[in-house]
Amino acid sequence: MGSEPPSSPQLLEEGVEDDDEELSGGEESDLRVSSGRGSLLTRRGITLRVLLKDGLVEPGDGVLSIHYLGKKFVGDLLCDGKIRWLETGQIFNSPSAWATHCKRLVNPAKKSGCGWASVRYRGQKLVQYKTTWLHKYQPSAGEMNLASEGEEDDEDEEEVIPDLGLIQRRPDRERVPVRYCNLGMRDVQRDPHTLVELSAFSAINRFQPFNVAVSSNVLLLMDFHCHLTTSEVVGYLGGRWDTNTQLLTVLRAFPCRTRLADRDAASAVEEEICQNLFMRGLSLVGWYHSHPRGPALPSLQDIDSQMDHQLRLQGSSNGFQPCLGIICGPYYHGNQGVASTITPFWVVPPPEQRPNDYGIPVAVEVTYVQDNFLTSDVLNEMMLLVDFYKGAPDLVQFGQHWSPEISVLDKMKGSISGHAPKDQAYVQILEHVYSQLSGAH
């Protein structure tokens, strides 16, 4: 993640917290002999080496992972309980040493790694393996203050779809947006779900560095996807970037049909999307996600993720390529009428003299291009989405009422009609899709 691989494996102690200090083999053995299985082995004594010796985890390549602010880090669990980071080959003594190092690469203001709560072994947090060990060998310990001794749980960190790092978050709760000027420097105590009002380019004495044109079919499919579930959704945007005209054209939306915990399915969906982009001669030009019941404004997480996506798409070349972020708010009662609020945004890096500030989220002016007809690709994606969410507990109850006069289904129809193609034949096609939703519960 930006650092050069060392010439040989390097042992790093950086960021080792008290609760994660590694014991030498002799100390670990003495602790067991003196304490015995029936007495309390302190939480500081439960190390990866302990879990390995008792068979709760096994060494392996790529079995450890950290997801933090849009970044994914993968590591090997070695036979001696140490961790080797795949990116550089560096070796770390403990989960906290590795987590602290990785998180500081993304967020220099991060003070600790919260390693056992952040590092996952085969998708499950390591702290849960500590709990299993205690229940197995020290039943009387109960939970044994697993949330104490300085081990905070990073529950507010976002879950990430593999590889491209797009975020899936928890359902929205009521959040009051703040102004960017009131944020100040990064603060680890600040709620990462805090919403931030968008600035205008003119307000920060800048011009929008690119033009954007978005196909109406993109909006239609994206709006449809966001309406289907009470959970947040995420998807990619495909299109083209013309360096001569500085025009970003968004031509296709690619919804991610995945569940939060289903990593295997997420990888397969991403691979399929990458192939679709390649087959159509399109590039990845952005991403979208929903705030189902909240304002379509970026959170602090969204700002960091968008900044990361911008850097990722630009790559190592000196050329500029924009990455568009879009937030869709389908069921926020502060919206005007039945239409979803759709917010294109971009993030300007903080001033050089204030590198620890958040990026500045700015509103992007977009030209919406009306499509003449509903393509078969869009229709097929809509049917796949219906099949994916059909019968799911988070499928929206379309028979319920959005307001005293209008059902949720009619509310969705009204919103999507704002992106309707010129060819009115789409009406019957969409009615077929809606009929599938009516019987989906």
Protein backbone atom coordinates (compact mmCIF):
# COMPACT_ATOMS: atom_id res chain seq x y z
CA MET A 1 0.00 0.00 0.00
CA GLY A 2 2.44 2.61 -1.17
CA SER A 3 5.56 1.16 0.51
CA GLU A 4 8.30 -0.68 -1.33
CA PRO A 5 8.77 -4.38 -0.55
CA PRO A 6 11.85 -4.90 1.63
CA SER A 7 14.74 -6.91 0.26
CA SER A 8 14.19 -9.49 2.99
CA PRO A 9 11.36 -10.16 5.48
CA GLN A 10 11.38 -7.54 8.16
CA LEU A 11 10.11 -7.92 11.73
CA LEU A 12 8.07 -4.91 12.81
CA GLU A 13 7.08 -4.10 16.38
CA GLU A 14 5.36 -0.84 15.51
CA GLY A 15 2.05 -0.31 17.21
CA VAL A 16 2.14 -3.33 19.53
CA GLU A 17 -0.41 -2.70 22.23
CA ASP A 18 -0.27 -4.02 25.78
CA ASP A 19 -3.08 -6.50 25.26
CA ASP A 20 -1.37 -8.03 22.24
CA GLU A 21 2.20 -8.39 23.41
CA GLU A 22 3.66 -11.67 22.24
CA LEU A 23 5.02 -14.04 24.82
CA SER A 24 8.09 -16.10 24.21
CA GLY A 25 7.58 -19.84 24.12
CA GLY A 26 8.97 -20.22 27.65
CA GLU A 27 6.76 -17.51 29.14
CA GLU A 28 3.69 -19.01 27.49
CA SER A 29 4.51 -22.45 28.85
CA ASP A 30 5.17 -21.10 32.34
CA LEU A 31 1.89 -19.25 32.30
CA ARG A 32 0.02 -22.44 31.48
CA VAL A 33 1.83 -24.52 34.15
CA SER A 34 1.37 -22.00 36.91
CA SER A 35 -2.19 -21.09 36.02
CA GLY A 36 -3.57 -24.42 34.85
CA ARG A 37 -6.64 -24.92 32.65
CA GLY A 38 -8.96 -24.33 35.57
CA SER A 39 -7.69 -20.88 36.49
CA LEU A 40 -7.81 -17.69 34.53
CA LEU A 41 -5.31 -17.14 31.78
CA THR A 42 -5.40 -13.38 31.35
CA ARG A 43 -6.53 -12.05 28.04
CA ARG A 44 -3.04 -10.69 27.43
CA GLY A 45 -1.79 -14.26 27.54
CA ILE A 46 -4.05 -15.48 24.74
CA THR A 47 -1.93 -15.02 21.64
CA LEU A 48 -2.11 -16.35 18.12
CA ARG A 49 0.47 -18.91 19.21
CA VAL A 50 -1.93 -20.12 21.91
CA LEU A 51 -4.77 -20.44 19.40
CA LEU A 52 -2.49 -22.30 16.99
CA LYS A 53 -1.30 -24.75 19.65
CA ASP A 54 -4.88 -25.55 20.65
CA GLY A 55 -5.99 -26.01 17.05
CA LEU A 56 -8.53 -23.16 16.97
CA VAL A 57 -6.75 -21.63 13.98
CA GLU A 58 -4.31 -23.06 11.47
CA PRO A 59 -1.41 -21.44 9.63
CA GLY A 60 -2.12 -20.58 6.03
CA ASP A 61 -1.54 -18.18 3.16
CA GLY A 62 -3.95 -15.26 2.86
CA VAL A 63 -6.15 -16.38 5.77
CA LEU A 64 -5.91 -13.04 7.63
CA SER A 65 -7.46 -9.77 6.46
CA ILE A 66 -8.14 -6.20 7.54
CA HIS A 67 -10.78 -3.94 6.00
CA TYR A 68 -10.33 -0.26 6.80
CA LEU A 69 -11.60 2.91 5.09
CA GLY A 70 -11.95 1.33 1.69
CA LYS A 71 -8.64 -0.56 1.85
CA LYS A 72 -8.19 -4.32 2.12
CA PHE A 73 -5.02 -5.83 3.59
CA VAL A 74 -4.28 -9.57 3.37
CA GLY A 75 -1.75 -11.53 5.42
CA ASP A 76 -0.41 -15.02 5.99
CA LEU A 77 -0.61 -16.68 9.40
CA LEU A 78 2.77 -18.29 10.07
CA CYS A 79 3.42 -21.43 12.15
CA ASP A 80 4.99 -19.39 14.97
CA GLY A 81 1.95 -17.10 15.31
CA LYS A 82 3.49 -14.19 13.45
CA ILE A 83 1.83 -12.42 10.50
CA ARG A 84 3.34 -11.83 7.06
CA TRP A 85 1.74 -9.00 5.07
CA LEU A 86 1.33 -10.11 1.44
CA GLU A 87 1.80 -6.61 0.04
CA THR A 88 5.40 -6.21 1.22
CA GLY A 89 6.50 -9.45 2.90
CA GLN A 90 6.91 -7.63 6.21
CA ILE A 91 6.44 -9.76 9.32
CA PHE A 92 4.55 -8.57 12.40
CA ASN A 93 4.60 -10.02 15.90
CA SER A 94 0.90 -9.55 16.64
CA PRO A 95 -2.49 -8.59 15.18
CA SER A 96 -2.25 -5.12 16.73
CA ALA A 97 1.20 -4.47 15.28
CA TRP A 98 -0.06 -5.35 11.80
CA ALA A 99 -3.40 -3.51 12.17
CA THR A 100 -1.78 -0.34 13.51
CA HIS A 101 0.79 -0.28 10.71
CA CYS A 102 -1.81 -0.80 7.97
CA LYS A 103 -4.32 1.67 9.37
CA ARG A 104 -1.72 4.39 9.74
CA LEU A 105 -0.89 4.03 6.05
CA VAL A 106 -4.50 4.94 5.30
CA ASN A 107 -5.15 7.30 8.21
CA PRO A 108 -1.97 8.74 9.78
CA ALA A 109 -4.02 10.03 12.73
CA LYS A 110 -4.97 6.48 13.77
CA LYS A 111 -3.52 5.89 17.24
CA SER A 112 -4.06 2.17 17.65
CA GLY A 113 -4.86 -0.87 15.57
CA CYS A 114 -7.48 -2.61 17.73
CA GLY A 115 -5.92 -5.70 16.25
CA TRP A 116 -8.00 -8.53 17.66
CA ALA A 117 -11.21 -6.71 16.78
CA SER A 118 -9.97 -5.66 13.32
CA VAL A 119 -8.06 -8.65 11.97
CA ARG A 120 -10.20 -11.48 10.61
CA TYR A 121 -9.23 -15.12 10.27
CA ARG A 122 -11.11 -16.64 7.35
CA GLY A 123 -13.69 -13.83 7.61
CA GLN A 124 -14.29 -14.02 11.38
CA LYS A 125 -12.83 -11.54 13.87
CA LEU A 126 -9.93 -12.90 15.90
CA VAL A 127 -11.52 -11.70 19.13
CA GLN A 128 -14.22 -14.32 18.57
CA TYR A 129 -11.54 -17.03 18.63
CA LYS A 130 -10.39 -15.68 21.98
CA THR A 131 -13.96 -16.05 23.22
CA THR A 132 -14.08 -19.63 21.92
CA TRP A 133 -10.81 -20.45 23.68
CA LEU A 134 -12.13 -19.08 26.97
CA HIS A 135 -15.42 -20.95 26.70
CA LYS A 136 -13.52 -24.15 25.96
CA TYR A 137 -10.84 -23.98 28.64
CA GLN A 138 -12.17 -21.49 31.19
CA PRO A 139 -15.99 -21.71 31.18
CA SER A 140 -16.18 -19.85 34.49
CA ALA A 141 -14.63 -16.82 32.87
CA GLY A 142 -17.78 -16.10 30.85
CA GLU A 143 -17.08 -13.27 28.45
CA MET A 144 -14.12 -12.27 30.62
CA ASN A 145 -14.38 -8.61 29.73
CA LEU A 146 -13.57 -9.26 26.11
CA ALA A 147 -14.35 -5.66 25.27
CA SER A 148 -12.04 -4.35 27.99
CA GLU A 149 -8.29 -4.04 28.52
CA GLY A 150 -7.98 -1.44 25.81
CA GLU A 151 -9.38 -3.64 23.03
CA GLU A 152 -11.95 -1.43 21.37
CA ASP A 153 -14.12 -3.02 18.72
CA ASP A 154 -13.98 -1.37 15.31
CA GLU A 155 -17.67 -2.04 14.62
CA ASP A 156 -18.02 1.30 12.86
CA GLU A 157 -15.50 0.39 10.19
CA GLU A 158 -17.04 -0.41 6.87
CA GLU A 159 -17.34 -3.82 5.32
CA VAL A 160 -15.73 -3.99 1.93
CA ILE A 161 -16.48 -5.90 -1.21
CA PRO A 162 -13.18 -7.57 -2.20
CA ASP A 163 -10.64 -6.14 -4.64
CA LEU A 164 -12.16 -2.81 -5.64
CA GLY A 165 -13.02 -1.88 -2.09
CA LEU A 166 -16.55 -0.66 -2.48
CA ILE A 167 -18.37 -0.15 0.67
CA GLN A 168 -21.49 -1.97 2.11
CA ARG A 169 -22.67 -0.42 5.37
CA ARG A 170 -25.29 -0.89 8.02
CA PRO A 171 -28.83 0.50 7.64
CA ASP A 172 -29.11 4.26 7.97
CA ARG A 173 -30.14 5.90 11.16
CA GLU A 174 -31.25 9.52 11.44
CA ARG A 175 -28.19 11.67 10.98
CA VAL A 176 -27.91 15.45 10.90
CA PRO A 177 -25.41 16.70 8.27
CA VAL A 178 -22.58 18.98 9.36
CA ARG A 179 -20.75 21.62 7.39
CA TYR A 180 -17.28 20.78 6.19
CA CYS A 181 -15.85 23.92 7.79
CA ASN A 182 -16.95 22.59 11.19
CA LEU A 183 -15.08 19.28 10.86
CA GLY A 184 -11.52 20.40 11.51
CA MET A 185 -8.78 17.79 11.75
CA ARG A 186 -9.45 14.08 11.74
CA ASP A 187 -10.63 12.78 15.08
CA VAL A 188 -10.67 9.05 15.80
CA GLN A 189 -13.54 9.64 18.21
CA ARG A 190 -15.78 11.10 15.51
CA ASP A 191 -18.58 8.90 14.20
CA PRO A 192 -17.53 7.74 10.69
CA HIS A 193 -21.21 7.78 9.68
CA THR A 194 -21.38 11.56 10.19
CA LEU A 195 -22.93 13.14 7.08
CA VAL A 196 -21.26 16.16 5.52
CA GLU A 197 -22.88 18.88 3.43
CA LEU A 198 -21.49 19.27 -0.08
CA SER A 199 -19.52 22.35 -1.04
CA ALA A 200 -19.57 23.99 -4.47
CA PHE A 201 -16.39 24.17 -6.51
CA SER A 202 -16.81 27.94 -6.59
CA ALA A 203 -16.96 28.06 -2.79
CA ILE A 204 -13.41 26.67 -2.60
CA ASN A 205 -12.19 28.88 -5.46
CA ARG A 206 -11.94 26.06 -7.98
CA PHE A 207 -13.47 25.09 -11.28
CA GLN A 208 -14.94 21.65 -11.82
CA PRO A 209 -11.99 19.91 -13.54
CA PHE A 210 -14.12 17.74 -15.84
CA ASN A 211 -17.54 17.53 -17.46
CA VAL A 212 -19.91 14.64 -16.84
CA ALA A 213 -22.70 13.17 -18.97
CA VAL A 214 -24.84 10.38 -17.50
CA SER A 215 -27.19 8.15 -19.47
CA SER A 216 -30.81 8.08 -18.25
CA ASN A 217 -30.72 4.27 -18.34
CA VAL A 218 -27.93 4.42 -15.76
CA LEU A 219 -30.15 6.46 -13.46
CA LEU A 220 -33.12 4.16 -14.06
CA LEU A 221 -31.24 0.97 -13.16
CA MET A 222 -29.46 2.56 -10.21
CA ASP A 223 -32.70 4.02 -8.82
CA PHE A 224 -34.46 0.67 -9.25
CA HIS A 225 -31.66 -1.17 -7.43
CA CYS A 226 -31.69 1.27 -4.51
CA HIS A 227 -35.49 0.98 -4.15
CA LEU A 228 -35.51 -2.81 -3.75
CA THR A 229 -34.06 -3.21 -0.26
CA THR A 230 -33.91 -1.55 3.12
CA SER A 231 -30.18 -2.37 3.19
CA GLU A 232 -27.54 -0.25 1.52
CA VAL A 233 -26.59 -1.34 -1.97
CA VAL A 234 -23.52 -0.67 -4.05
CA GLY A 235 -22.64 -0.83 -7.73
CA TYR A 236 -20.11 0.25 -10.32
CA LEU A 237 -20.32 2.75 -13.17
CA GLY A 238 -18.90 2.01 -16.58
CA GLY A 239 -18.16 4.55 -19.29
CA ARG A 240 -15.42 6.44 -21.10
CA TRP A 241 -13.04 9.27 -20.32
CA ASP A 242 -12.02 11.59 -23.14
CA THR A 243 -8.84 13.45 -22.24
CA ASN A 244 -9.22 15.85 -25.19
CA THR A 245 -12.66 17.13 -24.23
CA GLN A 246 -12.28 16.39 -20.50
CA LEU A 247 -15.65 14.63 -20.70
CA LEU A 248 -16.58 11.68 -18.51
CA THR A 249 -19.47 9.75 -20.06
CA VAL A 250 -21.29 7.27 -17.80
CA LEU A 251 -23.01 4.68 -19.99
CA ARG A 252 -23.74 1.64 -17.81
CA ALA A 253 -24.57 0.81 -14.20
CA PHE A 254 -23.45 -2.55 -12.85
CA PRO A 255 -25.32 -3.45 -9.64
CA CYS A 256 -23.50 -5.73 -7.20
CA ARG A 257 -25.82 -8.62 -6.37
CA THR A 258 -24.07 -9.66 -3.18
CA ARG A 259 -24.71 -10.11 0.51
CA LEU A 260 -22.49 -8.44 3.06
CA ALA A 261 -20.93 -11.64 4.44
CA ASP A 262 -20.80 -13.61 1.20
CA ARG A 263 -17.22 -12.99 0.11
CA ASP A 264 -17.13 -15.77 -2.47
CA ALA A 265 -20.22 -14.44 -4.26
CA ALA A 266 -18.83 -10.89 -4.12
CA SER A 267 -15.64 -11.98 -5.87
CA ALA A 268 -17.64 -13.78 -8.57
CA VAL A 269 -19.87 -10.74 -9.15
CA GLU A 270 -16.86 -8.44 -9.41
CA GLU A 271 -15.21 -10.76 -11.91
CA GLU A 272 -18.40 -10.79 -13.98
CA ILE A 273 -18.58 -7.00 -13.93
CA CYS A 274 -14.93 -6.69 -14.99
CA GLN A 275 -15.62 -9.01 -17.93
CA ASN A 276 -18.73 -7.03 -18.90
CA LEU A 277 -16.75 -3.80 -18.87
CA PHE A 278 -14.03 -5.32 -21.05
CA MET A 279 -16.49 -6.88 -23.53
CA ARG A 280 -18.24 -3.54 -24.01
CA GLY A 281 -15.05 -1.56 -24.37
CA LEU A 282 -15.86 0.44 -21.24
CA SER A 283 -13.74 1.57 -18.33
CA LEU A 284 -14.58 1.70 -14.65
CA VAL A 285 -15.42 5.37 -14.10
CA GLY A 286 -17.13 5.42 -10.71
CA TRP A 287 -19.38 3.80 -8.17
CA TYR A 288 -22.75 4.32 -6.51
CA HIS A 289 -24.34 3.36 -3.25
CA SER A 290 -27.55 4.09 -1.39
CA HIS A 291 -28.59 5.73 1.85
CA PRO A 292 -32.01 4.02 2.02
CA ARG A 293 -33.69 6.23 4.60
CA GLY A 294 -31.23 9.08 4.98
CA PRO A 295 -30.12 12.15 3.05
CA ALA A 296 -28.12 11.48 -0.10
CA LEU A 297 -25.02 13.16 1.34
CA PRO A 298 -21.60 11.59 1.85
CA SER A 299 -20.52 10.34 5.26
CA LEU A 300 -16.96 10.62 6.50
CA GLN A 301 -16.55 7.01 5.39
CA ASP A 302 -17.85 7.90 1.94
CA ILE A 303 -15.40 10.81 1.69
CA ASP A 304 -12.42 8.59 2.50
CA SER A 305 -13.65 5.85 0.18
CA GLN A 306 -14.23 8.28 -2.70
CA MET A 307 -10.76 9.75 -2.22
CA ASP A 308 -9.33 6.25 -2.31
CA HIS A 309 -11.26 5.35 -5.50
CA GLN A 310 -10.04 8.55 -7.18
CA LEU A 311 -6.43 7.64 -6.43
CA ARG A 312 -7.02 4.02 -7.44
CA LEU A 313 -8.45 4.89 -10.87
CA GLN A 314 -5.76 7.46 -11.52
CA GLY A 315 -3.17 4.76 -10.87
CA SER A 316 0.55 5.38 -11.06
CA SER A 317 0.41 7.49 -14.23
CA ASN A 318 0.62 11.24 -14.09
CA GLY A 319 -2.49 11.60 -16.23
CA PHE A 320 -5.74 12.70 -14.66
CA GLN A 321 -8.80 10.46 -14.74
CA PRO A 322 -11.84 11.32 -12.66
CA CYS A 323 -13.86 8.87 -10.61
CA LEU A 324 -17.49 9.80 -10.03
CA GLY A 325 -19.30 8.93 -6.82
CA ILE A 326 -23.11 8.88 -6.71
CA ILE A 327 -25.34 8.53 -3.66
CA CYS A 328 -29.01 7.65 -4.05
CA GLY A 329 -31.54 8.29 -1.29
CA PRO A 330 -34.79 6.49 -2.22
CA TYR A 331 -36.78 6.46 1.03
CA TYR A 332 -35.76 9.65 2.81
CA HIS A 333 -38.90 11.53 3.78
CA GLY A 334 -37.09 14.82 3.31
CA ASN A 335 -37.03 14.24 -0.47
CA GLN A 336 -39.26 16.32 -2.69
CA GLY A 337 -42.20 14.20 -3.82
CA VAL A 338 -41.70 10.53 -4.71
CA ALA A 339 -38.42 10.93 -6.60
CA SER A 340 -35.18 9.69 -5.09
CA THR A 341 -32.48 12.24 -4.42
CA ILE A 342 -29.46 11.42 -6.56
CA THR A 343 -26.23 13.17 -5.62
CA PRO A 344 -23.12 13.05 -7.81
CA PHE A 345 -20.04 14.10 -5.84
CA TRP A 346 -16.27 14.26 -5.92
CA VAL A 347 -13.64 14.87 -3.24
CA VAL A 348 -10.97 17.56 -3.35
CA PRO A 349 -7.87 16.69 -1.28
CA PRO A 350 -7.36 18.81 1.84
CA PRO A 351 -4.93 21.75 1.66
CA GLU A 352 -1.24 20.74 1.72
CA GLN A 353 -0.73 22.65 4.94
CA ARG A 354 -3.51 20.59 6.60
CA PRO A 355 -2.81 17.01 5.46
CA ASN A 356 -4.71 15.48 8.38
CA ASP A 357 -8.01 17.14 7.44
CA TYR A 358 -10.75 15.25 5.63
CA GLY A 359 -11.08 15.64 1.89
CA ILE A 360 -13.59 18.26 0.76
CA PRO A 361 -16.78 16.74 -0.72
CA VAL A 362 -18.05 18.84 -3.61
CA ALA A 363 -21.18 18.67 -5.74
CA VAL A 364 -20.55 17.68 -9.37
CA GLU A 365 -22.61 19.30 -12.10
CA VAL A 366 -23.89 16.63 -14.47
CA THR A 367 -25.65 16.62 -17.82
CA TYR A 368 -28.28 13.87 -18.03
CA VAL A 369 -28.62 12.37 -21.52
CA GLN A 370 -32.07 10.97 -22.36
CA ASP A 371 -31.95 7.48 -23.88
CA ASN A 372 -34.38 6.63 -26.64
CA PHE A 373 -35.27 3.15 -25.39
CA LEU A 374 -34.78 0.70 -22.55
CA THR A 375 -31.97 -1.66 -23.51
CA SER A 376 -32.17 -5.42 -23.08
CA ASP A 377 -29.10 -5.22 -20.82
CA VAL A 378 -30.92 -2.94 -18.38
CA LEU A 379 -34.05 -5.08 -18.42
CA ASN A 380 -31.99 -8.21 -17.79
CA GLU A 381 -30.20 -6.55 -14.85
CA MET A 382 -33.55 -5.54 -13.36
CA MET A 383 -34.87 -9.10 -13.53
CA LEU A 384 -31.67 -10.45 -11.99
CA LEU A 385 -32.04 -7.99 -9.13
CA VAL A 386 -35.66 -9.04 -8.55
CA ASP A 387 -34.58 -12.68 -8.43
CA PHE A 388 -31.72 -11.86 -6.06
CA TYR A 389 -33.84 -9.98 -3.50
CA LYS A 390 -36.99 -12.07 -3.88
CA GLY A 391 -37.98 -13.48 -0.50
CA ALA A 392 -35.14 -11.72 1.33
CA PRO A 393 -35.94 -10.28 4.78
CA ASP A 394 -34.69 -6.85 3.69
CA LEU A 395 -36.83 -6.74 0.53
CA VAL A 396 -38.99 -3.60 0.63
CA GLN A 397 -42.66 -4.28 1.35
CA PHE A 398 -44.09 -2.78 -1.82
CA GLY A 399 -47.70 -3.34 -0.75
CA GLN A 400 -47.30 -0.97 2.18
CA HIS A 401 -48.06 2.74 1.94
CA TRP A 402 -45.40 5.35 1.44
CA SER A 403 -47.96 8.03 2.24
CA PRO A 404 -51.71 7.91 2.91
CA GLU A 405 -52.38 8.29 -0.82
CA ILE A 406 -49.60 6.25 -2.43
CA SER A 407 -48.15 2.76 -2.06
CA VAL A 408 -44.45 2.05 -1.90
CA LEU A 409 -44.65 0.38 -5.32
CA ASP A 410 -46.29 3.45 -6.84
CA LYS A 411 -43.71 5.62 -5.15
CA MET A 412 -40.95 3.61 -6.86
CA LYS A 413 -42.75 3.79 -10.21
CA GLY A 414 -43.04 7.54 -9.90
CA SER A 415 -39.36 7.93 -9.12
CA ILE A 416 -38.21 5.70 -11.96
CA SER A 417 -40.53 7.38 -14.46
CA GLY A 418 -38.33 10.46 -14.14
CA HIS A 419 -35.61 8.52 -15.99
CA ALA A 420 -37.98 7.02 -18.55
CA PRO A 421 -36.79 6.56 -22.15
CA LYS A 422 -38.48 8.42 -24.98
CA ASP A 423 -39.94 5.21 -26.38
CA GLN A 424 -43.14 4.65 -24.37
CA ALA A 425 -42.99 0.91 -25.01
CA TYR A 426 -40.90 0.72 -21.84
CA VAL A 427 -44.09 1.12 -19.76
CA GLN A 428 -45.34 -2.40 -20.46
CA ILE A 429 -41.86 -3.84 -19.97
CA LEU A 430 -41.51 -2.23 -16.56
CA GLU A 431 -45.01 -3.29 -15.54
CA HIS A 432 -43.88 -6.87 -16.06
CA VAL A 433 -40.92 -6.24 -13.74
CA TYR A 434 -43.17 -4.59 -11.14
CA SER A 435 -45.59 -7.54 -11.26
CA GLN A 436 -42.69 -9.79 -10.25
CA LEU A 437 -42.09 -7.60 -7.22
CA SER A 438 -45.73 -7.66 -6.18
CA GLY A 439 -45.51 -11.43 -5.73
CA ALA A 440 -41.97 -11.53 -4.39
CA HIS A 441 -42.82 -11.69 -0.69
